[in-house]
């Protein structure tokens, strides 16, 4: 599996939620609504989820193992940091 595209949208008035992201896998499968969240431990990539009738949340898409979770998280956070730098750069 290769993540072939990462798109990040910065949140204009961020609190704990810093950005929303989408990834494309192998140029043929997209996952939207990943979230970059700041926690006490640093940045975290939360998977897309939905609220159940009980009020609980359940991920609708997620990595099956830690290696894949780490791979996805690293690419999304790297892209987030790149977008932050681009947003802070002076406009010509």
PDB file of N, CA and C in Angstrom:
ATOM      1  N   UNK A   1       0.845  -1.176   0.000  1.00  0.00           N
ATOM      2  CA  UNK A   1       0.000   0.000   0.000  1.00  0.00           C
ATOM      3  C   UNK A   1       0.888   1.235   0.000  1.00  0.00           C
ATOM      4  N   UNK A   2       0.514   2.182  -0.853  1.00  0.00           N
ATOM      5  CA  UNK A   2       1.236   3.455  -0.884  1.00  0.00           C
ATOM      6  C   UNK A   2       0.230   4.597  -0.834  1.00  0.00           C
ATOM      7  N   UNK A   3       0.480   5.548   0.021  1.00  0.00           N
ATOM      8  CA  UNK A   3      -0.336   6.752   0.032  1.00  0.00           C
ATOM      9  C   UNK A   3       0.227   7.660  -1.047  1.00  0.00           C
ATOM     10  N   UNK A   4      -0.576   7.909  -2.059  1.00  0.00           N
ATOM     11  CA  UNK A   4      -0.104   8.630  -3.232  1.00  0.00           C
ATOM     12  C   UNK A   4      -0.458  10.113  -3.208  1.00  0.00           C
ATOM     13  N   UNK A   5      -1.334  10.529  -2.304  1.00  0.00           N
ATOM     14  CA  UNK A   5      -1.663  11.948  -2.180  1.00  0.00           C
ATOM     15  C   UNK A   5      -2.152  12.238  -0.775  1.00  0.00           C
ATOM     16  N   UNK A   6      -1.737  13.385  -0.256  1.00  0.00           N
ATOM     17  CA  UNK A   6      -2.213  13.873   1.040  1.00  0.00           C
ATOM     18  C   UNK A   6      -2.634  15.318   0.836  1.00  0.00           C
ATOM     19  N   UNK A   7      -3.855  15.625   1.217  1.00  0.00           N
ATOM     20  CA  UNK A   7      -4.356  17.004   1.161  1.00  0.00           C
ATOM     21  C   UNK A   7      -4.706  17.425   2.578  1.00  0.00           C
ATOM     22  N   UNK A   8      -4.294  18.629   2.935  1.00  0.00           N
ATOM     23  CA  UNK A   8      -4.560  19.150   4.276  1.00  0.00           C
ATOM     24  C   UNK A   8      -5.196  20.526   4.150  1.00  0.00           C
ATOM     25  N   UNK A   9      -6.272  20.744   4.901  1.00  0.00           N
ATOM     26  CA  UNK A   9      -6.932  22.042   4.970  1.00  0.00           C
ATOM     27  C   UNK A   9      -6.779  22.565   6.399  1.00  0.00           C
ATOM     28  N   UNK A  10      -6.056  23.663   6.540  1.00  0.00           N
ATOM     29  CA  UNK A  10      -5.867  24.259   7.863  1.00  0.00           C
ATOM     30  C   UNK A  10      -7.180  24.827   8.368  1.00  0.00           C
ATOM     31  N   UNK A  11      -7.407  24.737   9.664  1.00  0.00           N
ATOM     32  CA  UNK A  11      -8.588  25.322  10.294  1.00  0.00           C
ATOM     33  C   UNK A  11      -8.290  26.802  10.533  1.00  0.00           C
ATOM     34  N   UNK A  12      -9.189  27.680  10.103  1.00  0.00           N
ATOM     35  CA  UNK A  12      -8.938  29.123  10.181  1.00  0.00           C
ATOM     36  C   UNK A  12      -8.831  29.631  11.608  1.00  0.00           C
ATOM     37  N   UNK A  13      -9.638  29.122  12.506  1.00  0.00           N
ATOM     38  CA  UNK A  13      -9.622  29.563  13.900  1.00  0.00           C
ATOM     39  C   UNK A  13      -9.397  28.338  14.782  1.00  0.00           C
ATOM     40  N   UNK A  14      -8.157  27.804  14.778  1.00  0.00           N
ATOM     41  CA  UNK A  14      -7.932  26.513  15.425  1.00  0.00           C
ATOM     42  C   UNK A  14      -7.983  26.574  16.951  1.00  0.00           C
ATOM     43  N   UNK A  15      -8.537  25.521  17.510  1.00  0.00           N
ATOM     44  CA  UNK A  15      -8.451  25.239  18.938  1.00  0.00           C
ATOM     45  C   UNK A  15      -7.588  23.996  19.015  1.00  0.00           C
ATOM     46  N   UNK A  16      -8.158  22.928  19.532  1.00  0.00           N
ATOM     47  CA  UNK A  16      -7.433  21.656  19.518  1.00  0.00           C
ATOM     48  C   UNK A  16      -7.388  21.060  18.116  1.00  0.00           C
ATOM     49  N   UNK A  17      -8.444  21.286  17.345  1.00  0.00           N
ATOM     50  CA  UNK A  17      -8.494  20.814  15.963  1.00  0.00           C
ATOM     51  C   UNK A  17      -7.688  21.768  15.092  1.00  0.00           C
ATOM     52  N   UNK A  18      -6.634  21.261  14.462  1.00  0.00           N
ATOM     53  CA  UNK A  18      -5.725  22.103  13.690  1.00  0.00           C
ATOM     54  C   UNK A  18      -5.972  22.035  12.190  1.00  0.00           C
ATOM     55  N   UNK A  19      -6.416  20.858  11.697  1.00  0.00           N
ATOM     56  CA  UNK A  19      -6.594  20.700  10.253  1.00  0.00           C
ATOM     57  C   UNK A  19      -7.464  19.488   9.961  1.00  0.00           C
ATOM     58  N   UNK A  20      -8.002  19.478   8.753  1.00  0.00           N
ATOM     59  CA  UNK A  20      -8.709  18.314   8.219  1.00  0.00           C
ATOM     60  C   UNK A  20      -7.882  17.807   7.046  1.00  0.00           C
ATOM     61  N   UNK A  21      -7.893  16.508   6.834  1.00  0.00           N
ATOM     62  CA  UNK A  21      -7.054  15.941   5.780  1.00  0.00           C
ATOM     63  C   UNK A  21      -7.800  14.862   5.012  1.00  0.00           C
ATOM     64  N   UNK A  22      -7.296  14.617   3.808  1.00  0.00           N
ATOM     65  CA  UNK A  22      -7.750  13.510   2.966  1.00  0.00           C
ATOM     66  C   UNK A  22      -6.512  12.810   2.441  1.00  0.00           C
ATOM     67  N   UNK A  23      -6.596  11.505   2.300  1.00  0.00           N
ATOM     68  CA  UNK A  23      -5.499  10.746   1.714  1.00  0.00           C
ATOM     69  C   UNK A  23      -6.025   9.921   0.553  1.00  0.00           C
ATOM     70  N   UNK A  24      -5.150   9.668  -0.406  1.00  0.00           N
ATOM     71  CA  UNK A  24      -5.464   8.763  -1.508  1.00  0.00           C
ATOM     72  C   UNK A  24      -4.487   7.601  -1.433  1.00  0.00           C
ATOM     73  N   UNK A  25      -5.009   6.399  -1.541  1.00  0.00           N
ATOM     74  CA  UNK A  25      -4.209   5.184  -1.465  1.00  0.00           C
ATOM     75  C   UNK A  25      -4.103   4.570  -2.856  1.00  0.00           C
ATOM     76  N   UNK A  26      -2.866   4.322  -3.276  1.00  0.00           N
ATOM     77  CA  UNK A  26      -2.587   3.664  -4.560  1.00  0.00           C
ATOM     78  C   UNK A  26      -3.309   4.311  -5.743  1.00  0.00           C
ATOM     79  N   UNK A  27      -3.473   5.629  -5.691  1.00  0.00           N
ATOM     80  CA  UNK A  27      -4.148   6.374  -6.761  1.00  0.00           C
ATOM     81  C   UNK A  27      -5.551   5.862  -7.080  1.00  0.00           C
ATOM     82  N   UNK A  28      -6.179   5.137  -6.127  1.00  0.00           N
ATOM     83  CA  UNK A  28      -7.491   4.584  -6.481  1.00  0.00           C
ATOM     84  C   UNK A  28      -8.506   4.554  -5.333  1.00  0.00           C
ATOM     85  N   UNK A  29      -8.108   4.951  -4.120  1.00  0.00           N
ATOM     86  CA  UNK A  29      -9.054   4.897  -3.007  1.00  0.00           C
ATOM     87  C   UNK A  29      -8.791   6.089  -2.099  1.00  0.00           C
ATOM     88  N   UNK A  30      -9.835   6.896  -1.830  1.00  0.00           N
ATOM     89  CA  UNK A  30      -9.685   8.099  -1.011  1.00  0.00           C
ATOM     90  C   UNK A  30     -10.364   7.926   0.341  1.00  0.00           C
ATOM     91  N   UNK A  31      -9.737   8.492   1.354  1.00  0.00           N
ATOM     92  CA  UNK A  31     -10.326   8.562   2.692  1.00  0.00           C
ATOM     93  C   UNK A  31     -10.313  10.031   3.091  1.00  0.00           C
ATOM     94  N   UNK A  32     -11.500  10.558   3.418  1.00  0.00           N
ATOM     95  CA  UNK A  32     -11.663  11.965   3.779  1.00  0.00           C
ATOM     96  C   UNK A  32     -11.921  12.095   5.276  1.00  0.00           C
ATOM     97  N   UNK A  33     -11.800  13.312   5.753  1.00  0.00           N
ATOM     98  CA  UNK A  33     -12.168  13.687   7.118  1.00  0.00           C
ATOM     99  C   UNK A  33     -11.260  13.121   8.199  1.00  0.00           C
ATOM    100  N   UNK A  34      -9.980  12.899   7.889  1.00  0.00           N
ATOM    101  CA  UNK A  34      -9.012  12.662   8.946  1.00  0.00           C
ATOM    102  C   UNK A  34      -8.811  14.014   9.608  1.00  0.00           C
ATOM    103  N   UNK A  35      -8.501  14.031  10.902  1.00  0.00           N
ATOM    104  CA  UNK A  35      -8.339  15.294  11.610  1.00  0.00           C
ATOM    105  C   UNK A  35      -6.979  15.340  12.301  1.00  0.00           C
ATOM    106  N   UNK A  36      -6.326  16.491  12.209  1.00  0.00           N
ATOM    107  CA  UNK A  36      -5.081  16.719  12.944  1.00  0.00           C
ATOM    108  C   UNK A  36      -5.487  17.455  14.219  1.00  0.00           C
ATOM    109  N   UNK A  37      -5.216  16.816  15.358  1.00  0.00           N
ATOM    110  CA  UNK A  37      -5.633  17.325  16.656  1.00  0.00           C
ATOM    111  C   UNK A  37      -4.401  17.512  17.527  1.00  0.00           C
ATOM    112  N   UNK A  38      -4.367  18.628  18.267  1.00  0.00           N
ATOM    113  CA  UNK A  38      -3.266  18.844  19.200  1.00  0.00           C
ATOM    114  C   UNK A  38      -3.691  18.370  20.584  1.00  0.00           C
ATOM    115  N   UNK A  39      -2.889  17.489  21.165  1.00  0.00           N
ATOM    116  CA  UNK A  39      -3.132  16.987  22.511  1.00  0.00           C
ATOM    117  C   UNK A  39      -1.939  17.352  23.386  1.00  0.00           C
ATOM    118  N   UNK A  40      -2.013  17.044  24.656  1.00  0.00           N
ATOM    119  CA  UNK A  40      -0.888  17.305  25.560  1.00  0.00           C
ATOM    120  C   UNK A  40       0.364  16.567  25.103  1.00  0.00           C
ATOM    121  N   UNK A  41       0.194  15.436  24.445  1.00  0.00           N
ATOM    122  CA  UNK A  41       1.316  14.639  23.972  1.00  0.00           C
ATOM    123  C   UNK A  41       1.828  15.040  22.601  1.00  0.00           C
ATOM    124  N   UNK A  42       1.223  16.048  21.973  1.00  0.00           N
ATOM    125  CA  UNK A  42       1.641  16.478  20.638  1.00  0.00           C
ATOM    126  C   UNK A  42       0.518  16.307  19.634  1.00  0.00           C
ATOM    127  N   UNK A  43       0.877  16.323  18.366  1.00  0.00           N
ATOM    128  CA  UNK A  43      -0.123  16.191  17.302  1.00  0.00           C
ATOM    129  C   UNK A  43      -0.548  14.740  17.141  1.00  0.00           C
ATOM    130  N   UNK A  44      -1.815  14.562  16.815  1.00  0.00           N
ATOM    131  CA  UNK A  44      -2.417  13.242  16.669  1.00  0.00           C
ATOM    132  C   UNK A  44      -3.310  13.270  15.442  1.00  0.00           C
ATOM    133  N   UNK A  45      -3.315  12.192  14.668  1.00  0.00           N
ATOM    134  CA  UNK A  45      -4.211  12.089  13.523  1.00  0.00           C
ATOM    135  C   UNK A  45      -5.382  11.197  13.911  1.00  0.00           C
ATOM    136  N   UNK A  46      -6.574  11.785  13.953  1.00  0.00           N
ATOM    137  CA  UNK A  46      -7.794  11.052  14.285  1.00  0.00           C
ATOM    138  C   UNK A  46      -8.452  10.588  12.996  1.00  0.00           C
ATOM    139  N   UNK A  47      -8.947   9.385  13.011  1.00  0.00           N
ATOM    140  CA  UNK A  47      -9.587   8.803  11.836  1.00  0.00           C
ATOM    141  C   UNK A  47     -11.031   9.295  11.709  1.00  0.00           C
ATOM    142  N   UNK A  48     -11.591   9.228  10.496  1.00  0.00           N
ATOM    143  CA  UNK A  48     -12.982   9.644  10.311  1.00  0.00           C
ATOM    144  C   UNK A  48     -13.902   8.741  11.136  1.00  0.00           C
ATOM    145  N   UNK A  49     -14.937   9.342  11.720  1.00  0.00           N
ATOM    146  CA  UNK A  49     -15.838   8.549  12.556  1.00  0.00           C
ATOM    147  C   UNK A  49     -17.269   9.045  12.418  1.00  0.00           C
ATOM    148  N   UNK A  50     -18.161   8.288  13.021  1.00  0.00           N
ATOM    149  CA  UNK A  50     -19.574   8.696  13.050  1.00  0.00           C
ATOM    150  C   UNK A  50     -20.106   8.441  14.449  1.00  0.00           C
ATOM    151  N   UNK A  51     -21.143   9.194  14.808  1.00  0.00           N
ATOM    152  CA  UNK A  51     -21.767   9.035  16.116  1.00  0.00           C
ATOM    153  C   UNK A  51     -22.853   7.960  16.019  1.00  0.00           C
ATOM    154  N   UNK A  52     -22.806   7.030  16.937  1.00  0.00           N
ATOM    155  CA  UNK A  52     -23.817   5.981  17.007  1.00  0.00           C
ATOM    156  C   UNK A  52     -25.039   6.481  17.771  1.00  0.00           C
ATOM    157  N   UNK A  53     -26.118   5.749  17.716  1.00  0.00           N
ATOM    158  CA  UNK A  53     -27.334   6.103  18.433  1.00  0.00           C
ATOM    159  C   UNK A  53     -27.133   6.192  19.936  1.00  0.00           C
ATOM    160  N   UNK A  54     -26.104   5.538  20.444  1.00  0.00           N
ATOM    161  CA  UNK A  54     -25.809   5.554  21.882  1.00  0.00           C
ATOM    162  C   UNK A  54     -25.017   6.798  22.290  1.00  0.00           C
ATOM    163  N   UNK A  55     -24.612   7.599  21.302  1.00  0.00           N
ATOM    164  CA  UNK A  55     -23.797   8.770  21.587  1.00  0.00           C
ATOM    165  C   UNK A  55     -22.302   8.500  21.474  1.00  0.00           C
ATOM    166  N   UNK A  56     -21.943   7.227  21.355  1.00  0.00           N
ATOM    167  CA  UNK A  56     -20.535   6.873  21.182  1.00  0.00           C
ATOM    168  C   UNK A  56     -20.103   7.155  19.745  1.00  0.00           C
ATOM    169  N   UNK A  57     -18.781   7.273  19.558  1.00  0.00           N
ATOM    170  CA  UNK A  57     -18.226   7.446  18.220  1.00  0.00           C
ATOM    171  C   UNK A  57     -17.529   6.165  17.797  1.00  0.00           C
ATOM    172  N   UNK A  58     -17.627   5.858  16.508  1.00  0.00           N
ATOM    173  CA  UNK A  58     -16.944   4.691  15.961  1.00  0.00           C
ATOM    174  C   UNK A  58     -16.236   5.101  14.673  1.00  0.00           C
ATOM    175  N   UNK A  59     -14.943   4.710  14.554  1.00  0.00           N
ATOM    176  CA  UNK A  59     -14.197   4.988  13.324  1.00  0.00           C
ATOM    177  C   UNK A  59     -14.857   4.278  12.154  1.00  0.00           C
ATOM    178  N   UNK A  60     -14.973   4.978  11.030  1.00  0.00           N
ATOM    179  CA  UNK A  60     -15.528   4.358   9.824  1.00  0.00           C
ATOM    180  C   UNK A  60     -14.429   3.856   8.909  1.00  0.00           C
ATOM    181  N   UNK A  61     -13.210   4.328   9.121  1.00  0.00           N
ATOM    182  CA  UNK A  61     -12.038   3.841   8.394  1.00  0.00           C
ATOM    183  C   UNK A  61     -10.852   4.002   9.338  1.00  0.00           C
ATOM    184  N   UNK A  62     -10.003   2.980   9.393  1.00  0.00           N
ATOM    185  CA  UNK A  62      -8.850   3.068  10.291  1.00  0.00           C
ATOM    186  C   UNK A  62      -7.805   2.033   9.907  1.00  0.00           C
ATOM    187  N   UNK A  63      -6.535   2.309  10.247  1.00  0.00           N
ATOM    188  CA  UNK A  63      -5.477   1.320  10.009  1.00  0.00           C
ATOM    189  C   UNK A  63      -5.695   0.097  10.903  1.00  0.00           C
ATOM    190  N   UNK A  64      -5.287  -1.059  10.408  1.00  0.00           N
ATOM    191  CA  UNK A  64      -5.450  -2.305  11.152  1.00  0.00           C
ATOM    192  C   UNK A  64      -4.264  -2.573  12.079  1.00  0.00           C
ATOM    193  N   UNK A  65      -3.101  -1.985  11.760  1.00  0.00           N
ATOM    194  CA  UNK A  65      -1.930  -2.244  12.609  1.00  0.00           C
ATOM    195  C   UNK A  65      -1.168  -0.942  12.872  1.00  0.00           C
ATOM    196  N   UNK A  66      -0.282  -0.982  13.852  1.00  0.00           N
ATOM    197  CA  UNK A  66       0.453   0.218  14.259  1.00  0.00           C
ATOM    198  C   UNK A  66       1.385   0.739  13.172  1.00  0.00           C
ATOM    199  N   UNK A  67       1.982  -0.141  12.395  1.00  0.00           N
ATOM    200  CA  UNK A  67       2.892   0.304  11.338  1.00  0.00           C
ATOM    201  C   UNK A  67       2.141   1.161  10.321  1.00  0.00           C
ATOM    202  N   UNK A  68       0.943   0.747   9.949  1.00  0.00           N
ATOM    203  CA  UNK A  68       0.148   1.516   8.991  1.00  0.00           C
ATOM    204  C   UNK A  68      -0.337   2.817   9.619  1.00  0.00           C
ATOM    205  N   UNK A  69      -0.751   2.765  10.875  1.00  0.00           N
ATOM    206  CA  UNK A  69      -1.180   3.985  11.580  1.00  0.00           C
ATOM    207  C   UNK A  69      -0.028   4.990  11.620  1.00  0.00           C
ATOM    208  N   UNK A  70       1.173   4.520  11.948  1.00  0.00           N
ATOM    209  CA  UNK A  70       2.346   5.398  11.999  1.00  0.00           C
ATOM    210  C   UNK A  70       2.646   5.992  10.627  1.00  0.00           C
ATOM    211  N   UNK A  71       2.533   5.191   9.578  1.00  0.00           N
ATOM    212  CA  UNK A  71       2.778   5.632   8.197  1.00  0.00           C
ATOM    213  C   UNK A  71       1.800   6.745   7.819  1.00  0.00           C
ATOM    214  N   UNK A  72       0.517   6.524   8.056  1.00  0.00           N
ATOM    215  CA  UNK A  72      -0.508   7.518   7.740  1.00  0.00           C
ATOM    216  C   UNK A  72      -0.275   8.784   8.564  1.00  0.00           C
ATOM    217  N   UNK A  73      -0.063   8.625   9.855  1.00  0.00           N
ATOM    218  CA  UNK A  73       0.116   9.776  10.742  1.00  0.00           C
ATOM    219  C   UNK A  73       1.312  10.620  10.334  1.00  0.00           C
ATOM    220  N   UNK A  74       2.426   9.977  10.028  1.00  0.00           N
ATOM    221  CA  UNK A  74       3.625  10.721   9.656  1.00  0.00           C
ATOM    222  C   UNK A  74       3.392  11.546   8.391  1.00  0.00           C
ATOM    223  N   UNK A  75       2.797  10.948   7.381  1.00  0.00           N
ATOM    224  CA  UNK A  75       2.558  11.681   6.132  1.00  0.00           C
ATOM    225  C   UNK A  75       1.591  12.846   6.329  1.00  0.00           C
ATOM    226  N   UNK A  76       0.530  12.634   7.094  1.00  0.00           N
ATOM    227  CA  UNK A  76      -0.455  13.689   7.318  1.00  0.00           C
ATOM    228  C   UNK A  76       0.154  14.821   8.150  1.00  0.00           C
ATOM    229  N   UNK A  77       0.872  14.492   9.216  1.00  0.00           N
ATOM    230  CA  UNK A  77       1.475  15.525  10.061  1.00  0.00           C
ATOM    231  C   UNK A  77       2.565  16.274   9.299  1.00  0.00           C
ATOM    232  N   UNK A  78       3.367  15.569   8.515  1.00  0.00           N
ATOM    233  CA  UNK A  78       4.377  16.249   7.691  1.00  0.00           C
ATOM    234  C   UNK A  78       3.727  17.239   6.733  1.00  0.00           C
ATOM    235  N   UNK A  79       2.631  16.829   6.098  1.00  0.00           N
ATOM    236  CA  UNK A  79       1.926  17.712   5.166  1.00  0.00           C
ATOM    237  C   UNK A  79       1.303  18.893   5.916  1.00  0.00           C
ATOM    238  N   UNK A  80       0.775  18.651   7.102  1.00  0.00           N
ATOM    239  CA  UNK A  80       0.217  19.719   7.939  1.00  0.00           C
ATOM    240  C   UNK A  80       1.300  20.758   8.247  1.00  0.00           C
ATOM    241  N   UNK A  81       2.465  20.300   8.662  1.00  0.00           N
ATOM    242  CA  UNK A  81       3.555  21.223   8.993  1.00  0.00           C
ATOM    243  C   UNK A  81       4.021  21.999   7.759  1.00  0.00           C
ATOM    244  N   UNK A  82       4.022  21.354   6.603  1.00  0.00           N
ATOM    245  CA  UNK A  82       4.358  22.029   5.348  1.00  0.00           C
ATOM    246  C   UNK A  82       3.342  23.129   5.040  1.00  0.00           C
ATOM    247  N   UNK A  83       2.056  22.824   5.223  1.00  0.00           N
ATOM    248  CA  UNK A  83       1.004  23.808   4.972  1.00  0.00           C
ATOM    249  C   UNK A  83       1.098  24.986   5.940  1.00  0.00           C
ATOM    250  N   UNK A  84       1.463  24.711   7.202  1.00  0.00           N
ATOM    251  CA  UNK A  84       1.653  25.789   8.171  1.00  0.00           C
ATOM    252  C   UNK A  84       2.772  26.731   7.724  1.00  0.00           C
ATOM    253  N   UNK A  85       3.871  26.165   7.273  1.00  0.00           N
ATOM    254  CA  UNK A  85       4.992  26.983   6.782  1.00  0.00           C
ATOM    255  C   UNK A  85       4.566  27.816   5.582  1.00  0.00           C
ATOM    256  N   UNK A  86       3.838  27.205   4.653  1.00  0.00           N
ATOM    257  CA  UNK A  86       3.363  27.933   3.467  1.00  0.00           C
ATOM    258  C   UNK A  86       2.432  29.068   3.851  1.00  0.00           C
ATOM    259  N   UNK A  87       1.581  28.827   4.842  1.00  0.00           N
ATOM    260  CA  UNK A  87       0.627  29.868   5.279  1.00  0.00           C
ATOM    261  C   UNK A  87       1.353  31.018   5.965  1.00  0.00           C
ATOM    262  N   UNK A  88       2.465  30.725   6.636  1.00  0.00           N
ATOM    263  CA  UNK A  88       3.209  31.753   7.363  1.00  0.00           C
ATOM    264  C   UNK A  88       4.183  32.509   6.470  1.00  0.00           C
ATOM    265  N   UNK A  89       4.492  31.954   5.316  1.00  0.00           N
ATOM    266  CA  UNK A  89       5.457  32.579   4.404  1.00  0.00           C
ATOM    267  C   UNK A  89       4.880  33.885   3.856  1.00  0.00           C
ATOM    268  N   UNK A  90       5.733  34.897   3.723  1.00  0.00           N
ATOM    269  CA  UNK A  90       5.240  36.172   3.153  1.00  0.00           C
ATOM    270  C   UNK A  90       4.790  35.974   1.710  1.00  0.00           C
ATOM    271  N   UNK A  91       3.708  36.596   1.390  1.00  0.00           N
ATOM    272  CA  UNK A  91       3.160  36.528   0.025  1.00  0.00           C
ATOM    273  C   UNK A  91       3.817  37.598  -0.814  1.00  0.00           C
ATOM    274  N   UNK A  92       4.251  37.244  -2.000  1.00  0.00           N
ATOM    275  CA  UNK A  92       4.889  38.230  -2.899  1.00  0.00           C
ATOM    276  C   UNK A  92       3.864  39.040  -3.650  1.00  0.00           C
TER     277      UNK A  92
END
